[in-house]
C-alpha atoms as a PDB file:
ATOM      1  CA  UNK A   1       7.201 -30.190 -11.757  1.00  0.00           C
ATOM      2  CA  UNK A   2       4.647 -27.373 -12.081  1.00  0.00           C
ATOM      3  CA  UNK A   3       6.222 -24.830 -14.404  1.00  0.00           C
ATOM      4  CA  UNK A   4       3.049 -22.692 -14.588  1.00  0.00           C
ATOM      5  CA  UNK A   5       2.758 -22.115 -10.787  1.00  0.00           C
ATOM      6  CA  UNK A   6       2.284 -18.477  -9.838  1.00  0.00           C
ATOM      7  CA  UNK A   7       3.575 -17.193  -6.484  1.00  0.00           C
ATOM      8  CA  UNK A   8       3.336 -14.000  -4.586  1.00  0.00           C
ATOM      9  CA  UNK A   9       6.193 -13.041  -2.362  1.00  0.00           C
ATOM     10  CA  UNK A  10       6.911 -10.773   0.547  1.00  0.00           C
ATOM     11  CA  UNK A  11      10.421  -9.728   1.514  1.00  0.00           C
ATOM     12  CA  UNK A  12      12.512  -7.484   3.700  1.00  0.00           C
ATOM     13  CA  UNK A  13      16.165  -6.571   4.141  1.00  0.00           C
ATOM     14  CA  UNK A  14      18.178  -5.129   6.996  1.00  0.00           C
ATOM     15  CA  UNK A  15      21.825  -4.216   7.387  1.00  0.00           C
ATOM     16  CA  UNK A  16      23.719  -3.160  10.522  1.00  0.00           C
ATOM     17  CA  UNK A  17      27.185  -1.809  11.178  1.00  0.00           C
ATOM     18  CA  UNK A  18      27.723  -4.160  14.120  1.00  0.00           C
ATOM     19  CA  UNK A  19      29.468  -3.378  17.343  1.00  0.00           C
ATOM     20  CA  UNK A  20      33.124  -3.306  16.285  1.00  0.00           C
ATOM     21  CA  UNK A  21      33.534  -2.071  12.698  1.00  0.00           C
ATOM     22  CA  UNK A  22      33.714   1.616  11.859  1.00  0.00           C
ATOM     23  CA  UNK A  23      32.375   1.262   8.288  1.00  0.00           C
ATOM     24  CA  UNK A  24      29.504  -0.916   6.955  1.00  0.00           C
ATOM     25  CA  UNK A  25      30.966  -2.719   3.981  1.00  0.00           C
ATOM     26  CA  UNK A  26      27.797  -4.776   3.462  1.00  0.00           C
ATOM     27  CA  UNK A  27      25.031  -3.775   0.979  1.00  0.00           C
ATOM     28  CA  UNK A  28      21.734  -5.328   0.178  1.00  0.00           C
ATOM     29  CA  UNK A  29      18.923  -5.112  -2.404  1.00  0.00           C
ATOM     30  CA  UNK A  30      15.271  -5.854  -2.041  1.00  0.00           C
ATOM     31  CA  UNK A  31      13.463  -5.709  -5.427  1.00  0.00           C
ATOM     32  CA  UNK A  32      10.263  -7.782  -4.924  1.00  0.00           C
ATOM     33  CA  UNK A  33       8.651  -6.087  -7.940  1.00  0.00           C
ATOM     34  CA  UNK A  34      11.312  -7.653 -10.123  1.00  0.00           C
ATOM     35  CA  UNK A  35      11.945 -10.858  -8.185  1.00  0.00           C
ATOM     36  CA  UNK A  36      15.565  -9.948  -7.306  1.00  0.00           C
ATOM     37  CA  UNK A  37      17.208  -9.985  -3.878  1.00  0.00           C
ATOM     38  CA  UNK A  38      20.931  -9.477  -3.170  1.00  0.00           C
ATOM     39  CA  UNK A  39      23.484  -9.406  -0.312  1.00  0.00           C
ATOM     40  CA  UNK A  40      27.059  -8.253  -0.917  1.00  0.00           C
ATOM     41  CA  UNK A  41      29.821  -8.213   1.655  1.00  0.00           C
ATOM     42  CA  UNK A  42      32.767  -6.014   0.727  1.00  0.00           C
ATOM     43  CA  UNK A  43      36.375  -6.500   1.537  1.00  0.00           C
ATOM     44  CA  UNK A  44      39.603  -4.636   1.018  1.00  0.00           C
ATOM     45  CA  UNK A  45      39.908  -2.298   3.958  1.00  0.00           C
ATOM     46  CA  UNK A  46      38.475   1.112   4.769  1.00  0.00           C
ATOM     47  CA  UNK A  47      36.077   2.333   2.069  1.00  0.00           C
ATOM     48  CA  UNK A  48      37.276  -0.137  -0.575  1.00  0.00           C
ATOM     49  CA  UNK A  49      34.933  -2.908   0.460  1.00  0.00           C
ATOM     50  CA  UNK A  50      32.107  -0.367   0.948  1.00  0.00           C
ATOM     51  CA  UNK A  51      32.573   0.738  -2.655  1.00  0.00           C
ATOM     52  CA  UNK A  52      32.721  -2.802  -4.076  1.00  0.00           C
ATOM     53  CA  UNK A  53      29.549  -4.065  -2.374  1.00  0.00           C
ATOM     54  CA  UNK A  54      27.650  -0.867  -3.334  1.00  0.00           C
ATOM     55  CA  UNK A  55      28.780  -1.219  -6.985  1.00  0.00           C
ATOM     56  CA  UNK A  56      27.243  -4.720  -7.136  1.00  0.00           C
ATOM     57  CA  UNK A  57      23.950  -3.593  -5.588  1.00  0.00           C
ATOM     58  CA  UNK A  58      23.810  -0.471  -7.808  1.00  0.00           C
ATOM     59  CA  UNK A  59      24.486  -2.597 -10.931  1.00  0.00           C
ATOM     60  CA  UNK A  60      21.556  -4.907 -10.110  1.00  0.00           C
ATOM     61  CA  UNK A  61      19.194  -2.152  -8.939  1.00  0.00           C
ATOM     62  CA  UNK A  62      17.823  -1.626 -12.458  1.00  0.00           C
ATOM     63  CA  UNK A  63      18.783  -4.878 -14.188  1.00  0.00           C
ATOM     64  CA  UNK A  64      16.137  -6.139 -16.623  1.00  0.00           C
ATOM     65  CA  UNK A  65      14.404  -9.177 -15.082  1.00  0.00           C
ATOM     66  CA  UNK A  66      13.483 -10.483 -18.542  1.00  0.00           C
ATOM     67  CA  UNK A  67      10.580 -12.700 -19.442  1.00  0.00           C
ATOM     68  CA  UNK A  68      12.162 -16.070 -18.450  1.00  0.00           C
ATOM     69  CA  UNK A  69      14.243 -17.171 -15.502  1.00  0.00           C
ATOM     70  CA  UNK A  70      17.194 -18.092 -17.852  1.00  0.00           C
ATOM     71  CA  UNK A  71      17.143 -14.548 -19.222  1.00  0.00           C
ATOM     72  CA  UNK A  72      17.037 -13.075 -15.746  1.00  0.00           C
ATOM     73  CA  UNK A  73      20.000 -15.224 -14.592  1.00  0.00           C
ATOM     74  CA  UNK A  74      21.978 -14.234 -17.634  1.00  0.00           C
ATOM     75  CA  UNK A  75      21.315 -10.538 -17.105  1.00  0.00           C
ATOM     76  CA  UNK A  76      22.306 -10.672 -13.419  1.00  0.00           C
ATOM     77  CA  UNK A  77      25.459 -12.655 -14.209  1.00  0.00           C
ATOM     78  CA  UNK A  78      26.426 -10.220 -16.876  1.00  0.00           C
ATOM     79  CA  UNK A  79      26.058  -7.225 -14.570  1.00  0.00           C
ATOM     80  CA  UNK A  80      28.069  -8.923 -11.812  1.00  0.00           C
ATOM     81  CA  UNK A  81      30.864  -9.877 -14.304  1.00  0.00           C
ATOM     82  CA  UNK A  82      30.970  -6.235 -15.518  1.00  0.00           C
ATOM     83  CA  UNK A  83      31.392  -5.052 -11.922  1.00  0.00           C
ATOM     84  CA  UNK A  84      34.225  -7.559 -11.541  1.00  0.00           C
ATOM     85  CA  UNK A  85      35.946  -6.060 -14.555  1.00  0.00           C
ATOM     86  CA  UNK A  86      35.331  -2.494 -13.294  1.00  0.00           C
ATOM     87  CA  UNK A  87      36.687  -3.276  -9.835  1.00  0.00           C
ATOM     88  CA  UNK A  88      39.918  -4.730 -11.192  1.00  0.00           C
ATOM     89  CA  UNK A  89      40.463  -1.694 -13.408  1.00  0.00           C
ATOM     90  CA  UNK A  90      39.707   0.633 -10.485  1.00  0.00           C
ATOM     91  CA  UNK A  91      42.386  -1.050  -8.309  1.00  0.00           C
ATOM     92  CA  UNK A  92      44.893  -0.709 -11.090  1.00  0.00           C
ATOM     93  CA  UNK A  93      44.192   3.006 -11.441  1.00  0.00           C
ATOM     94  CA  UNK A  94      44.004   4.121  -7.877  1.00  0.00           C
ATOM     95  CA  UNK A  95      46.160   4.095  -4.741  1.00  0.00           C
ATOM     96  CA  UNK A  96      43.885   1.799  -2.692  1.00  0.00           C
ATOM     97  CA  UNK A  97      46.049  -1.248  -2.068  1.00  0.00           C
ATOM     98  CA  UNK A  98      45.631  -4.488  -3.989  1.00  0.00           C
ATOM     99  CA  UNK A  99      42.176  -5.649  -2.942  1.00  0.00           C
ATOM    100  CA  UNK A 100      38.803  -4.121  -3.638  1.00  0.00           C
ATOM    101  CA  UNK A 101      36.249  -6.918  -3.805  1.00  0.00           C
ATOM    102  CA  UNK A 102      33.016  -8.265  -2.443  1.00  0.00           C
ATOM    103  CA  UNK A 103      31.189 -11.488  -2.003  1.00  0.00           C
ATOM    104  CA  UNK A 104      27.685 -11.711  -3.475  1.00  0.00           C
ATOM    105  CA  UNK A 105      24.676 -13.903  -3.166  1.00  0.00           C
ATOM    106  CA  UNK A 106      21.574 -13.212  -5.268  1.00  0.00           C
ATOM    107  CA  UNK A 107      18.174 -14.808  -5.370  1.00  0.00           C
ATOM    108  CA  UNK A 108      16.121 -14.382  -8.547  1.00  0.00           C
ATOM    109  CA  UNK A 109      12.579 -15.733  -9.072  1.00  0.00           C
ATOM    110  CA  UNK A 110      10.195 -16.182 -11.913  1.00  0.00           C
ATOM    111  CA  UNK A 111       6.886 -18.039 -11.571  1.00  0.00           C
ATOM    112  CA  UNK A 112       7.512 -21.461  -9.998  1.00  0.00           C
ATOM    113  CA  UNK A 113      11.303 -21.425 -10.053  1.00  0.00           C
ATOM    114  CA  UNK A 114      14.169 -19.433  -8.667  1.00  0.00           C
ATOM    115  CA  UNK A 115      17.956 -19.370  -9.009  1.00  0.00           C
ATOM    116  CA  UNK A 116      20.718 -18.713  -6.541  1.00  0.00           C
ATOM    117  CA  UNK A 117      23.821 -16.960  -7.900  1.00  0.00           C
ATOM    118  CA  UNK A 118      26.891 -16.520  -5.699  1.00  0.00           C
ATOM    119  CA  UNK A 119      30.556 -16.002  -5.162  1.00  0.00           C
ATOM    120  CA  UNK A 120      32.288 -16.020  -1.759  1.00  0.00           C
ATOM    121  CA  UNK A 121      30.901 -16.922   1.668  1.00  0.00           C
ATOM    122  CA  UNK A 122      27.707 -14.913   1.797  1.00  0.00           C
ATOM    123  CA  UNK A 123      25.013 -17.557   2.080  1.00  0.00           C
ATOM    124  CA  UNK A 124      21.510 -18.487   1.066  1.00  0.00           C
ATOM    125  CA  UNK A 125      19.339 -20.759   3.208  1.00  0.00           C
ATOM    126  CA  UNK A 126      15.890 -22.215   2.538  1.00  0.00           C
ATOM    127  CA  UNK A 127      13.357 -22.912   5.276  1.00  0.00           C
ATOM    128  CA  UNK A 128      10.862 -25.530   4.130  1.00  0.00           C
ATOM    129  CA  UNK A 129       8.366 -27.518   6.215  1.00  0.00           C
ATOM    130  CA  UNK A 130      10.090 -26.591   9.474  1.00  0.00           C
ATOM    131  CA  UNK A 131      13.685 -27.425   8.363  1.00  0.00           C
ATOM    132  CA  UNK A 132      16.509 -25.059   7.482  1.00  0.00           C
ATOM    133  CA  UNK A 133      18.893 -25.994   4.642  1.00  0.00           C
ATOM    134  CA  UNK A 134      22.043 -24.151   3.461  1.00  0.00           C
ATOM    135  CA  UNK A 135      21.825 -23.995  -0.338  1.00  0.00           C
ATOM    136  CA  UNK A 136      25.164 -22.307  -1.037  1.00  0.00           C
ATOM    137  CA  UNK A 137      28.662 -23.677  -0.554  1.00  0.00           C
ATOM    138  CA  UNK A 138      31.160 -21.188   0.821  1.00  0.00           C
ATOM    139  CA  UNK A 139      34.023 -20.348  -1.463  1.00  0.00           C
ATOM    140  CA  UNK A 140      36.558 -20.264   1.339  1.00  0.00           C
ATOM    141  CA  UNK A 141      39.791 -21.988   2.383  1.00  0.00           C
ATOM    142  CA  UNK A 142      38.205 -23.631   5.433  1.00  0.00           C
ATOM    143  CA  UNK A 143      35.395 -25.010   3.298  1.00  0.00           C
ATOM    144  CA  UNK A 144      37.989 -26.638   1.045  1.00  0.00           C
ATOM    145  CA  UNK A 145      39.716 -28.149   4.057  1.00  0.00           C
ATOM    146  CA  UNK A 146      36.421 -29.478   5.398  1.00  0.00           C
ATOM    147  CA  UNK A 147      35.473 -31.066   2.039  1.00  0.00           C
ATOM    148  CA  UNK A 148      38.900 -32.715   1.804  1.00  0.00           C
ATOM    149  CA  UNK A 149      38.527 -34.184   5.321  1.00  0.00           C
ATOM    150  CA  UNK A 150      41.443 -32.127   6.633  1.00  0.00           C
ATOM    151  CA  UNK A 151      39.363 -30.009   9.037  1.00  0.00           C
ATOM    152  CA  UNK A 152      36.401 -30.674  11.318  1.00  0.00           C
ATOM    153  CA  UNK A 153      33.511 -28.289  10.759  1.00  0.00           C
ATOM    154  CA  UNK A 154      33.429 -27.301  14.412  1.00  0.00           C
ATOM    155  CA  UNK A 155      37.009 -26.118  14.140  1.00  0.00           C
ATOM    156  CA  UNK A 156      36.519 -23.923  11.153  1.00  0.00           C
ATOM    157  CA  UNK A 157      35.872 -20.659  12.980  1.00  0.00           C
ATOM    158  CA  UNK A 158      39.088 -20.912  15.032  1.00  0.00           C
ATOM    159  CA  UNK A 159      41.314 -22.004  12.051  1.00  0.00           C
ATOM    160  CA  UNK A 160      44.076 -19.474  11.163  1.00  0.00           C
ATOM    161  CA  UNK A 161      42.811 -19.343   7.561  1.00  0.00           C
ATOM    162  CA  UNK A 162      39.227 -18.818   8.571  1.00  0.00           C
ATOM    163  CA  UNK A 163      38.996 -15.412   6.850  1.00  0.00           C
ATOM    164  CA  UNK A 164      40.480 -16.506   3.492  1.00  0.00           C
ATOM    165  CA  UNK A 165      37.907 -16.247   0.659  1.00  0.00           C
ATOM    166  CA  UNK A 166      38.794 -18.235  -2.511  1.00  0.00           C
ATOM    167  CA  UNK A 167      36.334 -16.473  -4.853  1.00  0.00           C
ATOM    168  CA  UNK A 168      34.843 -13.035  -4.934  1.00  0.00           C
ATOM    169  CA  UNK A 169      33.879 -10.180  -7.205  1.00  0.00           C
ATOM    170  CA  UNK A 170      36.875  -7.951  -8.003  1.00  0.00           C
ATOM    171  CA  UNK A 171      39.657 -10.369  -7.057  1.00  0.00           C
ATOM    172  CA  UNK A 172      40.479 -12.248 -10.272  1.00  0.00           C
ATOM    173  CA  UNK A 173      39.983 -11.272 -13.939  1.00  0.00           C
ATOM    174  CA  UNK A 174      38.215 -14.587 -14.554  1.00  0.00           C
ATOM    175  CA  UNK A 175      35.270 -14.852 -12.200  1.00  0.00           C
ATOM    176  CA  UNK A 176      33.117 -17.939 -12.114  1.00  0.00           C
ATOM    177  CA  UNK A 177      29.731 -17.512 -10.495  1.00  0.00           C
ATOM    178  CA  UNK A 178      27.987 -20.615  -9.129  1.00  0.00           C
ATOM    179  CA  UNK A 179      24.354 -20.940 -10.159  1.00  0.00           C
ATOM    180  CA  UNK A 180      21.731 -23.304  -8.793  1.00  0.00           C
ATOM    181  CA  UNK A 181      18.130 -23.497 -10.135  1.00  0.00           C
ATOM    182  CA  UNK A 182      15.448 -24.594  -7.703  1.00  0.00           C
ATOM    183  CA  UNK A 183      11.753 -25.291  -7.827  1.00  0.00           C
ATOM    184  CA  UNK A 184       9.729 -23.146  -5.417  1.00  0.00           C
ATOM    185  CA  UNK A 185       7.137 -24.751  -3.089  1.00  0.00           C
ATOM    186  CA  UNK A 186       4.313 -23.045  -1.277  1.00  0.00           C
ATOM    187  CA  UNK A 187       5.525 -21.499   1.979  1.00  0.00           C
ATOM    188  CA  UNK A 188       9.216 -21.547   1.100  1.00  0.00           C
ATOM    189  CA  UNK A 189      11.238 -18.950   3.024  1.00  0.00           C
ATOM    190  CA  UNK A 190      14.671 -17.960   1.719  1.00  0.00           C
ATOM    191  CA  UNK A 191      17.298 -16.220   3.784  1.00  0.00           C
ATOM    192  CA  UNK A 192      20.332 -14.412   2.298  1.00  0.00           C
ATOM    193  CA  UNK A 193      22.980 -13.180   4.680  1.00  0.00           C
ATOM    194  CA  UNK A 194      26.539 -12.034   5.127  1.00  0.00           C
ATOM    195  CA  UNK A 195      28.955 -13.912   7.353  1.00  0.00           C
ATOM    196  CA  UNK A 196      28.275 -11.461  10.098  1.00  0.00           C
ATOM    197  CA  UNK A 197      25.126 -13.486  10.905  1.00  0.00           C
ATOM    198  CA  UNK A 198      26.258 -17.095  10.926  1.00  0.00           C
ATOM    199  CA  UNK A 199      29.556 -16.382  12.650  1.00  0.00           C
ATOM    200  CA  UNK A 200      27.616 -15.085  15.649  1.00  0.00           C
ATOM    201  CA  UNK A 201      24.372 -17.035  15.569  1.00  0.00           C
ATOM    202  CA  UNK A 202      24.314 -20.896  15.523  1.00  0.00           C
ATOM    203  CA  UNK A 203      22.492 -22.854  12.820  1.00  0.00           C
ATOM    204  CA  UNK A 204      19.713 -24.116  15.128  1.00  0.00           C
ATOM    205  CA  UNK A 205      19.122 -20.596  16.388  1.00  0.00           C
ATOM    206  CA  UNK A 206      18.653 -19.310  12.830  1.00  0.00           C
ATOM    207  CA  UNK A 207      16.242 -22.136  12.178  1.00  0.00           C
ATOM    208  CA  UNK A 208      14.247 -21.307  15.299  1.00  0.00           C
ATOM    209  CA  UNK A 209      13.763 -17.687  14.161  1.00  0.00           C
ATOM    210  CA  UNK A 210      12.361 -18.568  10.748  1.00  0.00           C
ATOM    211  CA  UNK A 211       8.828 -19.018  12.059  1.00  0.00           C
ATOM    212  CA  UNK A 212       8.812 -15.849  14.144  1.00  0.00           C
ATOM    213  CA  UNK A 213       6.603 -13.407  12.268  1.00  0.00           C
ATOM    214  CA  UNK A 214       6.948 -11.519   9.053  1.00  0.00           C
ATOM    215  CA  UNK A 215      10.020 -11.214   6.844  1.00  0.00           C
ATOM    216  CA  UNK A 216      10.834  -7.885   8.469  1.00  0.00           C
ATOM    217  CA  UNK A 217      10.439  -9.398  11.974  1.00  0.00           C
ATOM    218  CA  UNK A 218      12.676 -12.298  11.069  1.00  0.00           C
ATOM    219  CA  UNK A 219      15.400  -9.959   9.813  1.00  0.00           C
ATOM    220  CA  UNK A 220      15.105  -7.713  12.927  1.00  0.00           C
ATOM    221  CA  UNK A 221      15.191 -10.711  15.291  1.00  0.00           C
ATOM    222  CA  UNK A 222      18.250 -12.240  13.653  1.00  0.00           C
ATOM    223  CA  UNK A 223      20.194  -8.967  13.573  1.00  0.00           C
ATOM    224  CA  UNK A 224      19.344  -8.479  17.270  1.00  0.00           C
ATOM    225  CA  UNK A 225      20.649 -11.962  18.040  1.00  0.00           C
ATOM    226  CA  UNK A 226      23.944 -11.182  16.333  1.00  0.00           C
ATOM    227  CA  UNK A 227      24.178  -7.911  18.241  1.00  0.00           C
ATOM    228  CA  UNK A 228      23.499  -9.742  21.538  1.00  0.00           C
ATOM    229  CA  UNK A 229      26.504 -11.913  20.752  1.00  0.00           C
ATOM    230  CA  UNK A 230      28.821  -8.979  20.228  1.00  0.00           C
ATOM    231  CA  UNK A 231      28.491  -8.700  16.428  1.00  0.00           C
ATOM    232  CA  UNK A 232      32.163  -8.322  15.495  1.00  0.00           C
ATOM    233  CA  UNK A 233      31.339  -7.766  11.828  1.00  0.00           C
ATOM    234  CA  UNK A 234      28.715  -6.020   9.737  1.00  0.00           C
ATOM    235  CA  UNK A 235      25.550  -8.093   9.499  1.00  0.00           C
ATOM    236  CA  UNK A 236      23.119  -8.094   6.591  1.00  0.00           C
ATOM    237  CA  UNK A 237      19.980 -10.189   6.037  1.00  0.00           C
ATOM    238  CA  UNK A 238      17.353 -10.466   3.301  1.00  0.00           C
ATOM    239  CA  UNK A 239      14.284 -12.693   3.939  1.00  0.00           C
ATOM    240  CA  UNK A 240      11.831 -13.676   1.166  1.00  0.00           C
ATOM    241  CA  UNK A 241       8.696 -15.771   1.548  1.00  0.00           C
ATOM    242  CA  UNK A 242       6.882 -17.446  -1.332  1.00  0.00           C
ATOM    243  CA  UNK A 243       3.162 -18.318  -1.258  1.00  0.00           C
ATOM    244  CA  UNK A 244       0.982 -19.804  -3.980  1.00  0.00           C
ATOM    245  CA  UNK A 245      -1.440 -17.376  -5.482  1.00  0.00           C
END
């Protein structure tokens, strides 16, 4: 494992309202200078989800990346947990219903390693040597049913509990964020997205688009594919490519 490897990265992000929703409750962050990329997908009805996702992104917009990956992860986690606390207090103090939350998936990188931090069903994929791999596990009711053997994956989208998220920022006072640390390899391409992408675009189609141009072109092509399918939800994508210096 080469802990001293140095990488340069290029990245891009794109978010779209979609063709059905009236408000874009997604938010994204592209901070290549700090090695931080984020997608947040808000929930809770008109404006509430919009506020929640924006609070996450705003909290991470100036977070200190630190000198080590572990420090960076701790700083990002701390900011997200603070937003969780603030959202719960906000719901208690305002007439906005009983939900004001957001999923989150964040990629942070330092030298030859990166970490994925997430809660909810926004996803991170890695495209390496021509193959796409999903790196996050959805925190959702249907994922629990699939893992227990009670639901076939191909039936997940049509299941009556398909929209139930079991973990998100702003939902419970005790939020547990999943963290996975990974070694970066030359040419790795990471994709962060809200569920508005993968609920419209099939896995092989996403994989096929990962070699089509720059990070900006990949984001644009994938959003267009979602729009071509009717795009019932907001769709947000961040693409980041790592190359050895």
